[in-house]
């Protein structure tokens, strides 16, 4: 959003902090509501990982690629 001047530069750090805090609070709330089911192997706290046999690097690059315009 900063790249397209939608938010001022001084708001970037608080925005990122808010995103991270919201993510952690969301996981904590899910754990309180659904209990150990959230930590089970099928969900694993909704951590996104590459498929077996795939390296993490291409997976990490797949998220920002569609979001950037050249």
Protein backbone atom coordinates (compact mmCIF):
# COMPACT_ATOMS: atom_id res chain seq x y z
CA UNK A 1 0.00 0.00 0.00
CA UNK A 2 2.91 2.32 0.66
CA UNK A 3 4.22 1.69 -2.82
CA UNK A 4 1.05 3.17 -4.31
CA UNK A 5 1.02 6.00 -1.77
CA UNK A 6 -2.19 4.84 -0.12
CA UNK A 7 -0.72 5.25 3.36
CA UNK A 8 2.01 7.62 4.59
CA UNK A 9 5.46 6.20 5.32
CA UNK A 10 5.14 6.78 9.06
CA UNK A 11 2.11 4.47 9.14
CA UNK A 12 3.89 1.44 7.66
CA UNK A 13 5.49 0.15 10.89
CA UNK A 14 2.27 0.42 12.96
CA UNK A 15 0.36 -1.25 10.12
CA UNK A 16 2.78 -4.19 10.03
CA UNK A 17 2.72 -4.44 13.83
CA UNK A 18 -1.09 -4.45 13.79
CA UNK A 19 -1.16 -7.21 11.17
CA UNK A 20 1.21 -9.38 13.22
CA UNK A 21 -0.59 -8.76 16.52
CA UNK A 22 -3.96 -9.45 14.88
CA UNK A 23 -2.63 -12.70 13.46
CA UNK A 24 -1.36 -13.87 16.85
CA UNK A 25 -4.59 -12.85 18.60
CA UNK A 26 -6.62 -14.68 15.96
CA UNK A 27 -4.70 -17.90 16.53
CA UNK A 28 -5.05 -17.50 20.30
CA UNK A 29 -8.80 -16.92 19.98
CA UNK A 30 -9.16 -19.97 17.73
CA UNK A 31 -7.31 -22.05 20.29
CA UNK A 32 -9.67 -20.82 23.04
CA UNK A 33 -12.79 -21.47 20.97
CA UNK A 34 -11.91 -24.79 19.34
CA UNK A 35 -9.32 -26.09 21.77
CA UNK A 36 -6.83 -28.77 20.77
CA UNK A 37 -8.48 -29.25 17.36
CA UNK A 38 -6.63 -26.14 16.17
CA UNK A 39 -3.28 -27.66 17.11
CA UNK A 40 -3.98 -31.02 15.46
CA UNK A 41 -1.90 -32.23 12.52
CA UNK A 42 -4.66 -31.47 10.00
CA UNK A 43 -4.79 -27.77 10.98
CA UNK A 44 -1.46 -27.11 12.78
CA UNK A 45 -2.44 -23.56 13.78
CA UNK A 46 -3.19 -22.83 10.08
CA UNK A 47 0.50 -22.71 9.20
CA UNK A 48 0.99 -22.75 5.44
CA UNK A 49 3.78 -25.06 4.34
CA UNK A 50 4.92 -26.36 0.97
CA UNK A 51 3.91 -29.84 -0.11
CA UNK A 52 6.28 -32.71 0.70
CA UNK A 53 9.22 -32.65 -1.67
CA UNK A 54 8.91 -28.91 -2.38
CA UNK A 55 11.40 -26.36 -1.11
CA UNK A 56 10.19 -23.41 0.98
CA UNK A 57 11.69 -20.70 -1.29
CA UNK A 58 9.25 -21.01 -4.24
CA UNK A 59 6.38 -21.17 -1.79
CA UNK A 60 7.54 -17.97 -0.09
CA UNK A 61 7.75 -16.18 -3.42
CA UNK A 62 4.28 -17.22 -4.52
CA UNK A 63 2.54 -14.93 -2.03
CA UNK A 64 3.94 -11.52 -3.00
CA UNK A 65 4.23 -12.26 -6.74
CA UNK A 66 0.52 -11.80 -7.62
CA UNK A 67 0.31 -8.77 -5.32
CA UNK A 68 2.97 -6.72 -7.10
CA UNK A 69 2.32 -4.74 -10.24
CA UNK A 70 5.20 -3.80 -12.51
